[in-house]
Amino acid sequence: MNILKEFLTNDKCSYLDNREQSTFYKVIDNCSSTDCQELIERGYRRFGKMYFRPTCSTCDECKSIKIDVDNFELSKSQKRVIKKASNIKSYIQRPSISKVHLELFDKYHLYMKNKKGWEHAPATVQGYYSSFVDAHNDFGYEVLYYMDDKLIGVDLIDILEDGISSIYFYYDPDCMKYSLGKLSLYNQIMYAKNSDKKWIYLGYYVEGCPSLSYKSHYKPYLTLDGKPEQHEEFKWF
C-alpha cells in the first residue's frame, strides 16, 4: 500500500447541527483489495484515492455500520419494492463517467438542495472522476439502473473479499415512486447472498441525522467499536 499523504481537517459537522467535525484522511495509490478491506473494517470510507474517517475527540455519534447478510431476510414490503421495479434493468461494470452521469448527478443534488438544504455546486468532470472513478483498482464497480433505455440510477460500490462496501448512490428524482435507494440496497444484499459475502458495509450511522439514521432499519446489523488503527484488532458488536 503506497500512502501518498495523510492529513487532518476540521470543519462544520456534516451530520449534526452546531458541532465541529474532525476527519482523518489517507491518500493511497494502488490500494489492494485486501488493504481496502482492512481500512473499511476499521471505519474508513473511500472516495477515489481518499480513505477517510471521523476522529472527533468529543463526539462518538458516527457509528460504522454493516448489515449481517446471512441473517437478513427480505420483508413483504421490501419484496414489493423489488416487484414494483420489475421493469427496471441493472448492469454492473467498472466505474465510468459520461455526460449522462454528470447530468443525473446534478439533477439529484439540485433536488436534494431544494428538499433537504444540501449544498450544491455543478458537477465537474475532474471532481466526479476523482471521487467515483479514480483508483477503483480491481474492486470498484458501478451498478447502472435503466428504465426504457434511460439512466435513472448509479450505485457506486466496492466488492471486497467478505462483503460489499457502499460508496454512493444517486438517482433520478422523477422516479421516486420506485424507491430506488432501497432497491439498490436490496440488490446489494441479494448479490452478496449469492456470492457468499457476509456483510454490506453502509458507512456511518448517526442517530440524530435523518439522512443517515435510516440505516438502522436494516437488521440485523453490527457497529464498530472505537477507531482501531491498522495494526490493532477490530471488534464489531
Protein backbone atom coordinates (compact mmCIF):
# COMPACT_ATOMS: atom_id res chain seq x y z
CA MET A 1 0.00 0.00 0.00
CA ASN A 2 1.51 3.29 -1.14
CA ILE A 3 0.30 6.11 1.16
CA LEU A 4 0.93 9.37 -0.67
CA LYS A 5 -0.26 11.69 2.09
CA GLU A 6 -2.05 11.79 5.45
CA PHE A 7 -3.78 14.83 6.89
CA LEU A 8 -6.47 16.02 9.32
CA THR A 9 -9.24 18.54 8.62
CA ASN A 10 -11.53 20.42 10.99
CA ASP A 11 -14.83 21.78 9.75
CA LYS A 12 -18.52 22.22 10.49
CA CYS A 13 -20.16 18.84 11.15
CA SER A 14 -21.85 17.39 8.08
CA TYR A 15 -24.38 15.43 10.13
CA LEU A 16 -25.32 17.28 13.33
CA ASP A 17 -26.10 20.95 13.90
CA ASN A 18 -23.84 23.18 15.99
CA ARG A 19 -20.95 20.73 16.09
CA GLU A 20 -17.44 20.64 14.72
CA GLN A 21 -16.04 17.69 12.80
CA SER A 22 -12.50 16.32 12.60
CA THR A 23 -11.71 13.97 9.73
CA PHE A 24 -8.53 11.99 9.12
CA TYR A 25 -7.54 11.26 5.51
CA LYS A 26 -5.16 8.84 3.84
CA VAL A 27 -4.40 9.34 0.15
CA ILE A 28 -3.44 5.90 -1.18
CA ASP A 29 -2.11 4.97 -4.60
CA ASN A 30 -2.75 1.45 -5.95
CA CYS A 31 -4.56 0.23 -2.83
CA SER A 32 -5.14 -3.52 -2.95
CA SER A 33 -8.47 -5.18 -2.24
CA THR A 34 -7.01 -6.64 0.97
CA ASP A 35 -5.77 -3.27 2.21
CA CYS A 36 -9.06 -1.62 1.27
CA GLN A 37 -10.97 -4.20 3.28
CA GLU A 38 -8.70 -3.72 6.30
CA LEU A 39 -9.43 0.01 6.20
CA ILE A 40 -13.19 -0.42 5.71
CA GLU A 41 -13.28 -2.88 8.62
CA ARG A 42 -11.70 -0.16 10.77
CA GLY A 43 -14.24 2.51 9.93
CA TYR A 44 -12.82 4.18 6.85
CA ARG A 45 -14.74 5.10 3.71
CA ARG A 46 -13.34 5.50 0.20
CA PHE A 47 -13.83 8.22 -2.42
CA GLY A 48 -11.29 7.66 -5.20
CA LYS A 49 -7.81 7.58 -3.65
CA MET A 50 -9.11 9.23 -0.47
CA TYR A 51 -9.73 6.99 2.55
CA PHE A 52 -11.20 8.85 5.49
CA ARG A 53 -12.96 8.53 8.84
CA PRO A 54 -14.13 10.90 11.59
CA THR A 55 -11.76 11.36 14.54
CA CYS A 56 -13.75 13.77 16.72
CA SER A 57 -12.40 13.74 20.27
CA THR A 58 -15.59 14.94 21.99
CA CYS A 59 -18.22 13.08 19.94
CA ASP A 60 -18.79 9.44 19.02
CA GLU A 61 -22.10 9.71 17.17
CA CYS A 62 -20.75 8.46 13.81
CA LYS A 63 -21.02 4.68 14.04
CA SER A 64 -19.62 2.48 11.30
CA ILE A 65 -22.39 0.02 10.48
CA LYS A 66 -22.65 -3.21 8.47
CA ILE A 67 -25.59 -5.48 7.64
CA ASP A 68 -25.37 -9.18 8.56
CA VAL A 69 -26.20 -10.64 5.13
CA ASP A 70 -26.51 -14.27 6.25
CA ASN A 71 -29.25 -13.42 8.73
CA PHE A 72 -31.05 -10.73 6.73
CA GLU A 73 -34.45 -11.71 5.35
CA LEU A 74 -36.46 -9.52 2.99
CA SER A 75 -39.80 -8.43 4.46
CA LYS A 76 -43.04 -8.41 2.50
CA SER A 77 -42.81 -4.65 1.96
CA GLN A 78 -39.21 -4.97 0.76
CA LYS A 79 -40.20 -7.69 -1.69
CA ARG A 80 -42.94 -5.38 -3.00
CA VAL A 81 -40.29 -2.74 -3.79
CA ILE A 82 -38.41 -5.30 -5.86
CA LYS A 83 -41.57 -6.47 -7.61
CA LYS A 84 -42.66 -2.91 -8.43
CA ALA A 85 -39.30 -2.31 -10.10
CA SER A 86 -39.54 -5.37 -12.36
CA ASN A 87 -39.33 -3.14 -15.45
CA ILE A 88 -36.04 -1.59 -14.30
CA LYS A 89 -32.87 -3.20 -15.63
CA SER A 90 -29.46 -3.06 -13.97
CA TYR A 91 -25.92 -3.64 -15.22
CA ILE A 92 -22.68 -3.89 -13.27
CA GLN A 93 -19.39 -2.66 -14.68
CA ARG A 94 -16.24 -0.76 -13.76
CA PRO A 95 -16.88 2.87 -12.75
CA SER A 96 -17.16 5.25 -15.69
CA ILE A 97 -18.03 8.86 -16.46
CA SER A 98 -20.20 10.36 -19.17
CA LYS A 99 -22.30 13.42 -19.87
CA VAL A 100 -25.36 11.42 -18.77
CA HIS A 101 -23.69 10.56 -15.45
CA LEU A 102 -22.98 14.21 -14.73
CA GLU A 103 -26.44 15.39 -15.74
CA LEU A 104 -28.11 12.82 -13.49
CA PHE A 105 -25.71 13.62 -10.63
CA ASP A 106 -26.58 17.32 -10.89
CA LYS A 107 -30.32 16.66 -11.16
CA TYR A 108 -30.24 14.55 -7.99
CA HIS A 109 -28.25 17.09 -5.99
CA LEU A 110 -30.39 20.03 -7.08
CA TYR A 111 -33.40 18.06 -5.88
CA MET A 112 -31.70 17.39 -2.54
CA LYS A 113 -30.76 21.06 -2.23
CA ASN A 114 -34.42 22.02 -2.52
CA LYS A 115 -35.72 19.17 -0.37
CA LYS A 116 -33.12 18.97 2.40
CA GLY A 117 -30.98 22.07 2.04
CA TRP A 118 -27.90 20.24 0.78
CA GLU A 119 -25.08 22.41 -0.51
CA HIS A 120 -24.72 22.16 -4.27
CA ALA A 121 -22.18 23.09 -6.90
CA PRO A 122 -22.33 21.88 -10.51
CA ALA A 123 -20.50 18.61 -11.04
CA THR A 124 -17.22 18.75 -12.93
CA VAL A 125 -15.53 16.00 -14.90
CA GLN A 126 -12.43 16.17 -12.68
CA GLY A 127 -14.40 16.22 -9.44
CA TYR A 128 -16.59 13.29 -10.39
CA TYR A 129 -13.63 11.31 -11.74
CA SER A 130 -11.58 11.90 -8.58
CA SER A 131 -14.40 10.79 -6.27
CA PHE A 132 -16.03 7.92 -8.12
CA VAL A 133 -13.88 6.64 -10.98
CA ASP A 134 -10.24 7.06 -9.99
CA ALA A 135 -8.47 4.29 -8.04
CA HIS A 136 -11.25 1.71 -8.33
CA ASN A 137 -8.45 -0.82 -8.99
CA ASP A 138 -9.74 -4.41 -9.08
CA PHE A 139 -12.57 -4.00 -6.56
CA GLY A 140 -14.56 -0.89 -7.53
CA TYR A 141 -17.78 -1.11 -9.58
CA GLU A 142 -20.85 0.85 -10.58
CA VAL A 143 -24.34 -0.59 -10.92
CA LEU A 144 -26.32 1.29 -13.58
CA TYR A 145 -30.13 1.34 -13.38
CA TYR A 146 -32.11 1.87 -16.59
CA MET A 147 -35.77 2.33 -17.45
CA ASP A 148 -36.69 2.34 -21.14
CA ASP A 149 -33.02 2.84 -22.05
CA LYS A 150 -32.77 5.91 -19.80
CA LEU A 151 -30.22 6.00 -16.98
CA ILE A 152 -32.13 6.58 -13.72
CA GLY A 153 -29.68 5.49 -11.02
CA VAL A 154 -25.98 4.90 -10.32
CA ASP A 155 -24.75 2.83 -7.38
CA LEU A 156 -21.00 3.04 -6.62
CA ILE A 157 -19.70 0.06 -4.64
CA ASP A 158 -16.55 -1.84 -3.73
CA ILE A 159 -16.79 -5.64 -3.89
CA LEU A 160 -14.36 -6.94 -1.28
CA GLU A 161 -13.41 -10.42 -0.10
CA ASP A 162 -16.02 -10.64 2.66
CA GLY A 163 -18.63 -8.07 1.64
CA ILE A 164 -19.76 -5.05 -0.33
CA SER A 165 -18.87 -1.51 0.71
CA SER A 166 -21.48 1.05 -0.34
CA ILE A 167 -19.83 4.24 -1.56
CA TYR A 168 -22.56 6.42 -3.05
CA PHE A 169 -25.92 6.20 -4.79
CA TYR A 170 -27.75 8.85 -6.79
CA TYR A 171 -30.91 8.66 -8.86
CA ASP A 172 -33.48 10.48 -10.96
CA PRO A 173 -35.96 12.24 -8.63
CA ASP A 174 -38.66 11.75 -11.29
CA CYS A 175 -38.55 8.03 -10.40
CA MET A 176 -39.16 8.45 -6.66
CA LYS A 177 -42.11 6.02 -6.71
CA TYR A 178 -39.72 3.14 -7.34
CA SER A 179 -37.77 3.68 -4.08
CA LEU A 180 -34.50 3.36 -5.97
CA GLY A 181 -32.33 3.87 -2.89
CA LYS A 182 -33.98 0.92 -1.18
CA LEU A 183 -33.94 -1.12 -4.37
CA SER A 184 -30.19 -0.63 -4.80
CA LEU A 185 -29.54 -1.81 -1.25
CA TYR A 186 -31.78 -4.87 -1.62
CA ASN A 187 -29.91 -5.75 -4.81
CA GLN A 188 -26.60 -5.43 -2.97
CA ILE A 189 -27.87 -7.80 -0.29
CA MET A 190 -29.13 -10.36 -2.81
CA TYR A 191 -25.86 -10.16 -4.75
CA ALA A 192 -23.91 -10.67 -1.52
CA LYS A 193 -26.03 -13.69 -0.56
CA ASN A 194 -25.50 -15.26 -3.98
CA SER A 195 -21.75 -14.57 -3.83
CA ASP A 196 -21.20 -15.82 -0.25
CA LYS A 197 -20.35 -12.34 1.01
CA LYS A 198 -21.12 -11.83 4.71
CA TRP A 199 -21.52 -8.05 5.05
CA ILE A 200 -22.86 -4.88 3.49
CA TYR A 201 -20.72 -2.01 4.80
CA LEU A 202 -23.04 1.02 4.90
CA GLY A 203 -20.63 3.70 6.04
CA TYR A 204 -21.81 5.76 9.02
CA TYR A 205 -25.00 5.65 11.04
CA VAL A 206 -25.81 8.81 13.02
CA GLU A 207 -28.93 8.54 15.12
CA GLY A 208 -29.73 12.25 15.05
CA CYS A 209 -29.19 12.68 11.30
CA PRO A 210 -32.29 11.81 9.18
CA SER A 211 -30.13 11.27 6.09
CA LEU A 212 -28.20 8.51 7.89
CA SER A 213 -30.48 7.22 10.67
CA TYR A 214 -32.45 5.06 8.18
CA LYS A 215 -29.54 2.61 8.12
CA SER A 216 -30.58 1.17 11.49
CA HIS A 217 -33.78 -0.15 9.85
CA TYR A 218 -31.85 -2.92 8.11
CA LYS A 219 -31.47 -5.59 10.76
CA PRO A 220 -29.54 -7.46 11.92
CA TYR A 221 -26.60 -5.08 11.85
CA LEU A 222 -23.33 -4.57 13.73
CA THR A 223 -21.46 -1.39 14.68
CA LEU A 224 -17.71 -0.91 15.04
CA ASP A 225 -16.20 -0.43 18.48
CA GLY A 226 -14.00 2.66 18.56
CA LYS A 227 -11.48 3.70 15.90
CA PRO A 228 -8.87 0.92 15.71
CA GLU A 229 -5.62 1.54 13.85
CA GLN A 230 -4.46 -0.82 11.13
CA HIS A 231 -2.13 -2.70 13.47
CA GLU A 232 -4.93 -3.14 16.04
CA GLU A 233 -7.67 -5.75 16.16
CA PHE A 234 -11.18 -4.54 15.37
CA LYS A 235 -14.43 -5.53 17.07
CA TRP A 236 -17.97 -5.24 15.72
CA PHE A 237 -20.96 -5.62 18.04
